[in-house]
N, C-alpha and C. Protein backbone atom coordinates (compact mmCIF):
# COMPACT_ATOMS: atom_id res chain seq x y z
N UNK A 1 24.15 -2.18 -7.39
CA UNK A 1 23.08 -1.82 -6.47
C UNK A 1 21.94 -1.10 -7.21
N UNK A 2 22.27 -0.39 -8.27
CA UNK A 2 21.25 0.34 -9.03
C UNK A 2 20.20 -0.61 -9.58
N UNK A 3 20.65 -1.71 -10.17
CA UNK A 3 19.70 -2.67 -10.74
C UNK A 3 18.83 -3.27 -9.64
N UNK A 4 19.43 -3.58 -8.50
CA UNK A 4 18.67 -4.15 -7.38
C UNK A 4 17.58 -3.16 -6.94
N UNK A 5 17.93 -1.91 -6.82
CA UNK A 5 16.97 -0.88 -6.41
C UNK A 5 15.83 -0.76 -7.42
N UNK A 6 16.15 -0.79 -8.69
CA UNK A 6 15.11 -0.68 -9.72
C UNK A 6 14.20 -1.91 -9.73
N UNK A 7 14.78 -3.08 -9.49
CA UNK A 7 13.97 -4.31 -9.42
C UNK A 7 13.04 -4.26 -8.21
N UNK A 8 13.55 -3.80 -7.08
CA UNK A 8 12.72 -3.66 -5.88
C UNK A 8 11.57 -2.70 -6.14
N UNK A 9 11.89 -1.54 -6.68
CA UNK A 9 10.87 -0.53 -6.98
C UNK A 9 9.79 -1.10 -7.91
N UNK A 10 10.20 -1.71 -9.00
CA UNK A 10 9.25 -2.26 -9.96
C UNK A 10 8.48 -3.43 -9.35
N UNK A 11 9.14 -4.26 -8.57
CA UNK A 11 8.48 -5.40 -7.94
C UNK A 11 7.38 -4.97 -6.98
N UNK A 12 7.63 -3.92 -6.23
CA UNK A 12 6.60 -3.40 -5.31
C UNK A 12 5.42 -2.86 -6.11
N UNK A 13 5.71 -2.06 -7.12
CA UNK A 13 4.62 -1.49 -7.92
C UNK A 13 3.77 -2.59 -8.54
N UNK A 14 4.41 -3.50 -9.27
CA UNK A 14 3.65 -4.54 -9.98
C UNK A 14 3.00 -5.54 -9.04
N UNK A 15 3.71 -5.89 -7.97
CA UNK A 15 3.13 -6.82 -7.00
C UNK A 15 1.86 -6.26 -6.38
N UNK A 16 1.93 -5.00 -5.94
CA UNK A 16 0.74 -4.39 -5.33
C UNK A 16 -0.34 -4.12 -6.38
N UNK A 17 0.07 -3.81 -7.60
CA UNK A 17 -0.89 -3.61 -8.69
C UNK A 17 -1.75 -4.87 -8.87
N UNK A 18 -1.09 -6.02 -8.92
CA UNK A 18 -1.84 -7.28 -9.11
C UNK A 18 -2.66 -7.63 -7.88
N UNK A 19 -2.12 -7.39 -6.68
CA UNK A 19 -2.89 -7.64 -5.47
C UNK A 19 -4.15 -6.77 -5.41
N UNK A 20 -4.00 -5.50 -5.74
CA UNK A 20 -5.15 -4.59 -5.72
C UNK A 20 -6.20 -5.01 -6.75
N UNK A 21 -5.77 -5.40 -7.93
CA UNK A 21 -6.71 -5.86 -8.95
C UNK A 21 -7.42 -7.14 -8.50
N UNK A 22 -6.70 -8.03 -7.85
CA UNK A 22 -7.31 -9.25 -7.34
C UNK A 22 -8.37 -8.91 -6.29
N UNK A 23 -8.02 -8.05 -5.36
CA UNK A 23 -8.95 -7.65 -4.30
C UNK A 23 -10.19 -6.99 -4.91
N UNK A 24 -9.98 -6.12 -5.88
CA UNK A 24 -11.10 -5.44 -6.52
C UNK A 24 -12.08 -6.43 -7.16
N UNK A 25 -11.56 -7.48 -7.76
CA UNK A 25 -12.43 -8.40 -8.50
C UNK A 25 -12.88 -9.63 -7.69
N UNK A 26 -12.25 -9.91 -6.54
CA UNK A 26 -12.58 -11.14 -5.82
C UNK A 26 -13.07 -10.95 -4.38
N UNK A 27 -13.03 -9.74 -3.87
CA UNK A 27 -13.44 -9.52 -2.48
C UNK A 27 -14.56 -8.50 -2.45
N UNK A 28 -15.63 -8.83 -1.76
CA UNK A 28 -16.76 -7.92 -1.59
C UNK A 28 -16.43 -6.93 -0.46
N UNK A 29 -16.95 -5.71 -0.56
CA UNK A 29 -16.62 -4.69 0.45
C UNK A 29 -17.13 -5.03 1.85
N UNK A 30 -18.11 -5.87 1.95
CA UNK A 30 -18.64 -6.25 3.27
C UNK A 30 -17.97 -7.51 3.81
N UNK A 31 -17.07 -8.08 3.05
CA UNK A 31 -16.43 -9.35 3.39
C UNK A 31 -15.16 -9.13 4.21
N UNK A 32 -14.89 -10.08 5.10
CA UNK A 32 -13.66 -10.05 5.89
C UNK A 32 -13.14 -11.48 5.97
N UNK A 33 -11.91 -11.70 5.49
CA UNK A 33 -11.30 -13.04 5.48
C UNK A 33 -10.07 -13.05 6.36
N UNK A 34 -9.94 -14.08 7.16
CA UNK A 34 -8.72 -14.27 7.94
C UNK A 34 -7.71 -15.04 7.11
N UNK A 35 -6.45 -14.63 7.17
CA UNK A 35 -5.37 -15.36 6.51
C UNK A 35 -4.23 -15.53 7.49
N UNK A 36 -3.29 -16.39 7.15
CA UNK A 36 -2.11 -16.66 7.99
C UNK A 36 -2.51 -17.00 9.43
N UNK A 37 -3.42 -17.97 9.53
CA UNK A 37 -3.91 -18.44 10.84
C UNK A 37 -4.50 -17.30 11.68
N UNK A 38 -5.17 -16.40 11.02
CA UNK A 38 -5.84 -15.31 11.72
C UNK A 38 -4.96 -14.13 12.09
N UNK A 39 -3.72 -14.10 11.59
CA UNK A 39 -2.81 -12.99 11.91
C UNK A 39 -3.16 -11.71 11.15
N UNK A 40 -3.82 -11.87 9.99
CA UNK A 40 -4.20 -10.73 9.15
C UNK A 40 -5.64 -10.90 8.70
N UNK A 41 -6.27 -9.77 8.42
CA UNK A 41 -7.61 -9.76 7.86
C UNK A 41 -7.56 -9.17 6.47
N UNK A 42 -8.24 -9.80 5.53
CA UNK A 42 -8.35 -9.24 4.18
C UNK A 42 -9.71 -8.59 4.07
N UNK A 43 -9.71 -7.31 3.79
CA UNK A 43 -10.93 -6.52 3.62
C UNK A 43 -10.69 -5.52 2.50
N UNK A 44 -11.69 -5.27 1.69
CA UNK A 44 -11.54 -4.28 0.63
C UNK A 44 -12.03 -2.93 1.14
N UNK A 45 -11.18 -1.92 0.96
CA UNK A 45 -11.53 -0.56 1.36
C UNK A 45 -11.04 0.40 0.29
N UNK A 46 -11.89 1.31 -0.12
CA UNK A 46 -11.51 2.34 -1.08
C UNK A 46 -11.18 3.61 -0.30
N UNK A 47 -9.89 3.91 -0.21
CA UNK A 47 -9.41 5.09 0.51
C UNK A 47 -9.41 6.26 -0.47
N UNK A 48 -10.33 7.19 -0.27
CA UNK A 48 -10.49 8.31 -1.20
C UNK A 48 -9.68 9.53 -0.80
N UNK A 49 -8.93 9.42 0.27
CA UNK A 49 -8.08 10.51 0.71
C UNK A 49 -6.65 10.03 0.85
N UNK A 50 -5.97 10.58 1.85
CA UNK A 50 -4.61 10.13 2.17
C UNK A 50 -4.73 9.12 3.31
N UNK A 51 -3.72 9.06 4.13
CA UNK A 51 -3.74 8.15 5.26
C UNK A 51 -4.98 8.39 6.13
N UNK A 52 -5.66 7.32 6.47
CA UNK A 52 -6.88 7.37 7.29
C UNK A 52 -7.99 8.21 6.65
N UNK A 53 -8.00 8.25 5.34
CA UNK A 53 -9.00 8.99 4.56
C UNK A 53 -8.93 10.50 4.73
N UNK A 54 -7.85 11.02 5.28
CA UNK A 54 -7.70 12.47 5.43
C UNK A 54 -7.77 13.12 4.05
N UNK A 55 -8.55 14.16 3.93
CA UNK A 55 -8.67 14.87 2.66
C UNK A 55 -9.59 14.22 1.65
N UNK A 56 -10.44 13.30 2.09
CA UNK A 56 -11.29 12.57 1.15
C UNK A 56 -12.28 13.47 0.42
N UNK A 57 -12.57 14.63 0.96
CA UNK A 57 -13.47 15.56 0.27
C UNK A 57 -12.72 16.45 -0.72
N UNK A 58 -11.39 16.34 -0.72
CA UNK A 58 -10.55 17.12 -1.64
C UNK A 58 -9.65 16.17 -2.42
N UNK A 59 -10.28 15.21 -3.08
CA UNK A 59 -9.55 14.14 -3.75
C UNK A 59 -8.62 14.64 -4.84
N UNK A 60 -9.03 15.65 -5.54
CA UNK A 60 -8.18 16.19 -6.61
C UNK A 60 -6.89 16.78 -6.02
N UNK A 61 -7.02 17.52 -4.93
CA UNK A 61 -5.86 18.08 -4.26
C UNK A 61 -4.95 16.97 -3.74
N UNK A 62 -5.54 15.94 -3.14
CA UNK A 62 -4.76 14.81 -2.63
C UNK A 62 -3.98 14.15 -3.77
N UNK A 63 -4.61 13.98 -4.92
CA UNK A 63 -3.94 13.37 -6.07
C UNK A 63 -2.78 14.25 -6.57
N UNK A 64 -2.99 15.56 -6.61
CA UNK A 64 -1.94 16.48 -7.08
C UNK A 64 -0.76 16.47 -6.10
N UNK A 65 -1.04 16.52 -4.80
CA UNK A 65 0.03 16.50 -3.80
C UNK A 65 0.79 15.18 -3.86
N UNK A 66 0.06 14.08 -4.00
CA UNK A 66 0.68 12.76 -4.11
C UNK A 66 1.60 12.70 -5.33
N UNK A 67 1.12 13.19 -6.45
CA UNK A 67 1.92 13.20 -7.67
C UNK A 67 3.16 14.09 -7.51
N UNK A 68 2.99 15.26 -6.91
CA UNK A 68 4.12 16.17 -6.72
C UNK A 68 5.20 15.55 -5.84
N UNK A 69 4.81 14.97 -4.71
CA UNK A 69 5.79 14.34 -3.82
C UNK A 69 6.47 13.15 -4.50
N UNK A 70 5.70 12.39 -5.26
CA UNK A 70 6.28 11.24 -5.97
C UNK A 70 7.31 11.70 -7.00
N UNK A 71 7.00 12.76 -7.72
CA UNK A 71 7.95 13.29 -8.71
C UNK A 71 9.21 13.83 -8.04
N UNK A 72 9.06 14.55 -6.93
CA UNK A 72 10.22 15.09 -6.21
C UNK A 72 11.11 13.94 -5.72
N UNK A 73 10.49 12.92 -5.12
CA UNK A 73 11.27 11.78 -4.64
C UNK A 73 11.93 11.01 -5.79
N UNK A 74 11.28 10.99 -6.94
CA UNK A 74 11.87 10.34 -8.11
C UNK A 74 13.15 11.06 -8.52
N UNK A 75 13.12 12.38 -8.51
CA UNK A 75 14.31 13.17 -8.84
C UNK A 75 15.43 12.91 -7.82
N UNK A 76 15.07 12.89 -6.54
CA UNK A 76 16.06 12.60 -5.50
C UNK A 76 16.67 11.21 -5.72
N UNK A 77 15.82 10.24 -6.05
CA UNK A 77 16.29 8.88 -6.30
C UNK A 77 17.24 8.84 -7.49
N UNK A 78 16.87 9.48 -8.57
CA UNK A 78 17.73 9.50 -9.77
C UNK A 78 19.07 10.15 -9.47
N UNK A 79 19.05 11.25 -8.74
CA UNK A 79 20.30 11.93 -8.36
C UNK A 79 21.15 11.01 -7.48
N UNK A 80 20.49 10.28 -6.56
CA UNK A 80 21.24 9.39 -5.65
C UNK A 80 21.93 8.26 -6.41
N UNK A 81 21.39 7.88 -7.56
CA UNK A 81 22.01 6.81 -8.35
C UNK A 81 23.36 7.22 -8.92
N UNK A 82 23.58 8.51 -9.05
CA UNK A 82 24.83 9.01 -9.61
C UNK A 82 25.95 9.14 -8.59
N UNK A 83 25.66 8.82 -7.33
CA UNK A 83 26.67 8.95 -6.27
C UNK A 83 27.03 7.58 -5.72
N UNK A 84 28.31 7.40 -5.43
CA UNK A 84 28.76 6.14 -4.83
C UNK A 84 28.37 6.11 -3.35
N UNK A 85 28.23 4.91 -2.83
CA UNK A 85 27.92 4.75 -1.42
C UNK A 85 26.45 5.05 -1.12
N UNK A 86 26.15 5.11 0.14
CA UNK A 86 24.82 5.40 0.64
C UNK A 86 23.74 4.48 0.05
N UNK A 87 24.03 3.21 0.08
CA UNK A 87 23.08 2.23 -0.42
C UNK A 87 21.81 2.17 0.41
N UNK A 88 21.92 2.48 1.70
CA UNK A 88 20.74 2.46 2.57
C UNK A 88 19.73 3.51 2.11
N UNK A 89 20.20 4.69 1.73
CA UNK A 89 19.31 5.74 1.21
C UNK A 89 18.64 5.27 -0.07
N UNK A 90 19.40 4.70 -0.99
CA UNK A 90 18.82 4.22 -2.25
C UNK A 90 17.83 3.08 -2.03
N UNK A 91 18.14 2.18 -1.13
CA UNK A 91 17.22 1.08 -0.81
C UNK A 91 15.92 1.65 -0.24
N UNK A 92 16.05 2.59 0.69
CA UNK A 92 14.87 3.23 1.28
C UNK A 92 14.03 3.94 0.23
N UNK A 93 14.69 4.68 -0.64
CA UNK A 93 13.96 5.38 -1.70
C UNK A 93 13.29 4.41 -2.67
N UNK A 94 13.92 3.26 -2.92
CA UNK A 94 13.32 2.24 -3.79
C UNK A 94 12.01 1.73 -3.19
N UNK A 95 12.03 1.41 -1.91
CA UNK A 95 10.82 0.95 -1.23
C UNK A 95 9.75 2.04 -1.21
N UNK A 96 10.18 3.23 -0.82
CA UNK A 96 9.26 4.36 -0.74
C UNK A 96 8.63 4.66 -2.09
N UNK A 97 9.44 4.71 -3.13
CA UNK A 97 8.92 5.05 -4.46
C UNK A 97 8.06 3.94 -5.05
N UNK A 98 8.42 2.68 -4.81
CA UNK A 98 7.57 1.58 -5.29
C UNK A 98 6.16 1.73 -4.74
N UNK A 99 6.06 2.01 -3.44
CA UNK A 99 4.76 2.22 -2.81
C UNK A 99 4.09 3.50 -3.28
N UNK A 100 4.86 4.56 -3.41
CA UNK A 100 4.30 5.85 -3.84
C UNK A 100 3.78 5.76 -5.28
N UNK A 101 4.52 5.11 -6.15
CA UNK A 101 4.04 4.94 -7.54
C UNK A 101 2.72 4.18 -7.56
N UNK A 102 2.64 3.11 -6.77
CA UNK A 102 1.44 2.29 -6.74
C UNK A 102 0.23 3.08 -6.24
N UNK A 103 0.38 3.75 -5.11
CA UNK A 103 -0.75 4.50 -4.54
C UNK A 103 -1.11 5.72 -5.39
N UNK A 104 -0.11 6.38 -5.95
CA UNK A 104 -0.39 7.54 -6.81
C UNK A 104 -1.09 7.08 -8.08
N UNK A 105 -0.65 5.96 -8.64
CA UNK A 105 -1.33 5.40 -9.81
C UNK A 105 -2.81 5.16 -9.50
N UNK A 106 -3.08 4.55 -8.35
CA UNK A 106 -4.47 4.31 -7.95
C UNK A 106 -5.26 5.61 -7.88
N UNK A 107 -4.69 6.62 -7.23
CA UNK A 107 -5.40 7.89 -7.08
C UNK A 107 -5.73 8.51 -8.43
N UNK A 108 -4.78 8.43 -9.36
CA UNK A 108 -4.99 9.04 -10.67
C UNK A 108 -5.89 8.19 -11.56
N UNK A 109 -5.76 6.89 -11.49
CA UNK A 109 -6.51 6.00 -12.39
C UNK A 109 -7.90 5.65 -11.85
N UNK A 110 -7.98 5.31 -10.57
CA UNK A 110 -9.25 4.88 -9.99
C UNK A 110 -10.00 5.99 -9.26
N UNK A 111 -9.26 6.98 -8.77
CA UNK A 111 -9.87 8.02 -7.95
C UNK A 111 -9.83 7.68 -6.47
N UNK A 112 -9.24 6.57 -6.13
CA UNK A 112 -9.09 6.12 -4.74
C UNK A 112 -7.96 5.09 -4.70
N UNK A 113 -7.47 4.81 -3.49
CA UNK A 113 -6.44 3.79 -3.30
C UNK A 113 -7.11 2.55 -2.73
N UNK A 114 -6.79 1.40 -3.30
CA UNK A 114 -7.34 0.14 -2.81
C UNK A 114 -6.50 -0.33 -1.63
N UNK A 115 -7.13 -0.42 -0.47
CA UNK A 115 -6.50 -0.97 0.73
C UNK A 115 -7.15 -2.31 1.00
N UNK A 116 -6.39 -3.25 1.62
CA UNK A 116 -6.94 -4.59 1.73
C UNK A 116 -6.46 -5.43 2.90
N UNK A 117 -5.62 -4.94 3.76
CA UNK A 117 -5.16 -5.77 4.88
C UNK A 117 -5.25 -4.98 6.18
N UNK A 118 -5.74 -5.64 7.21
CA UNK A 118 -5.78 -5.05 8.54
C UNK A 118 -5.42 -6.11 9.56
N UNK A 119 -5.36 -5.72 10.82
CA UNK A 119 -4.90 -6.61 11.87
C UNK A 119 -6.03 -6.88 12.86
N UNK A 120 -6.22 -8.15 13.22
CA UNK A 120 -7.29 -8.51 14.15
C UNK A 120 -6.88 -8.29 15.60
N UNK A 121 -6.81 -7.04 16.00
CA UNK A 121 -6.41 -6.68 17.36
C UNK A 121 -7.64 -6.27 18.16
N UNK A 122 -7.50 -6.25 19.47
CA UNK A 122 -8.63 -5.89 20.33
C UNK A 122 -8.95 -4.40 20.28
N UNK A 123 -7.92 -3.57 20.04
CA UNK A 123 -8.13 -2.13 20.00
C UNK A 123 -8.88 -1.78 18.71
N UNK A 124 -10.16 -1.49 18.81
CA UNK A 124 -11.03 -1.32 17.66
C UNK A 124 -10.59 -0.19 16.72
N UNK A 125 -10.05 0.88 17.28
CA UNK A 125 -9.61 2.00 16.43
C UNK A 125 -8.52 1.55 15.45
N UNK A 126 -7.61 0.70 15.92
CA UNK A 126 -6.54 0.20 15.03
C UNK A 126 -7.06 -0.91 14.13
N UNK A 127 -7.98 -1.71 14.63
CA UNK A 127 -8.55 -2.81 13.84
C UNK A 127 -9.26 -2.28 12.60
N UNK A 128 -9.83 -1.09 12.67
CA UNK A 128 -10.57 -0.51 11.55
C UNK A 128 -9.66 0.02 10.44
N UNK A 129 -8.40 0.24 10.75
CA UNK A 129 -7.47 0.78 9.75
C UNK A 129 -7.12 -0.32 8.75
N UNK A 130 -7.21 0.02 7.46
CA UNK A 130 -6.92 -0.93 6.40
C UNK A 130 -5.73 -0.39 5.59
N UNK A 131 -4.76 -1.26 5.34
CA UNK A 131 -3.53 -0.90 4.64
C UNK A 131 -3.45 -1.65 3.32
N UNK A 132 -2.40 -1.34 2.55
CA UNK A 132 -2.01 -2.18 1.42
C UNK A 132 -0.49 -2.37 1.51
N UNK A 133 0.06 -3.23 0.70
CA UNK A 133 1.51 -3.49 0.76
C UNK A 133 2.33 -2.24 0.50
N UNK A 134 1.84 -1.39 -0.37
CA UNK A 134 2.56 -0.14 -0.67
C UNK A 134 2.70 0.73 0.58
N UNK A 135 1.67 0.75 1.42
CA UNK A 135 1.74 1.55 2.65
C UNK A 135 2.91 1.09 3.52
N UNK A 136 3.07 -0.22 3.67
CA UNK A 136 4.16 -0.75 4.48
C UNK A 136 5.51 -0.42 3.86
N UNK A 137 5.60 -0.50 2.54
CA UNK A 137 6.85 -0.17 1.84
C UNK A 137 7.18 1.31 2.01
N UNK A 138 6.17 2.17 1.97
CA UNK A 138 6.39 3.60 2.16
C UNK A 138 6.93 3.87 3.56
N UNK A 139 6.35 3.25 4.56
CA UNK A 139 6.79 3.46 5.95
C UNK A 139 8.22 2.97 6.15
N UNK A 140 8.48 1.74 5.71
CA UNK A 140 9.83 1.18 5.86
C UNK A 140 10.84 1.97 5.03
N UNK A 141 10.45 2.33 3.81
CA UNK A 141 11.33 3.11 2.94
C UNK A 141 11.67 4.48 3.51
N UNK A 142 10.68 5.13 4.12
CA UNK A 142 10.93 6.44 4.73
C UNK A 142 11.91 6.32 5.90
N UNK A 143 11.74 5.27 6.71
CA UNK A 143 12.66 5.06 7.83
C UNK A 143 14.09 4.77 7.35
N UNK A 144 14.20 3.90 6.36
CA UNK A 144 15.54 3.58 5.83
C UNK A 144 16.19 4.79 5.16
N UNK A 145 15.38 5.56 4.45
CA UNK A 145 15.91 6.78 3.80
C UNK A 145 16.41 7.77 4.84
N UNK A 146 15.65 7.94 5.91
CA UNK A 146 16.06 8.85 6.98
C UNK A 146 17.37 8.36 7.61
N UNK A 147 17.46 7.06 7.87
CA UNK A 147 18.70 6.51 8.42
C UNK A 147 19.86 6.67 7.44
N UNK A 148 19.59 6.50 6.17
CA UNK A 148 20.62 6.64 5.15
C UNK A 148 21.12 8.06 5.00
N UNK A 149 20.31 9.03 5.37
CA UNK A 149 20.74 10.43 5.27
C UNK A 149 21.54 10.90 6.48
N UNK A 150 21.56 10.09 7.54
CA UNK A 150 22.32 10.47 8.75
C UNK A 150 23.81 10.37 8.53
């Protein structure tokens, strides 16, 4: 299970790394593309804060907090590898950390996180929110980790 978790973690990081680089070089910030028969919208957004741009005026603090939480979760993940059982926790941490590494890398390297997918829904407040694959992995990983700790 350890190897599977490490492959998942690395796959999320590298997969989102390449997607973000593609979006940066091939999508204009004013452009919006429908994909998957209109189920998703591809849009480039530079998120200079945390979720929903919270803290965008304190980018350095956001980067430090992101790095600190990523390091803490990395330690928890490494410790979990030394214990038998609780594969759900390790799987959740793999997803969470793959996404956290990707977004933290962006914050440290670019100064912002590249977001690129949103949903074409009627509710305009939700339609304006732009995500990346790492965001989904963080959400799913956090839920699985919480379930694994029960």
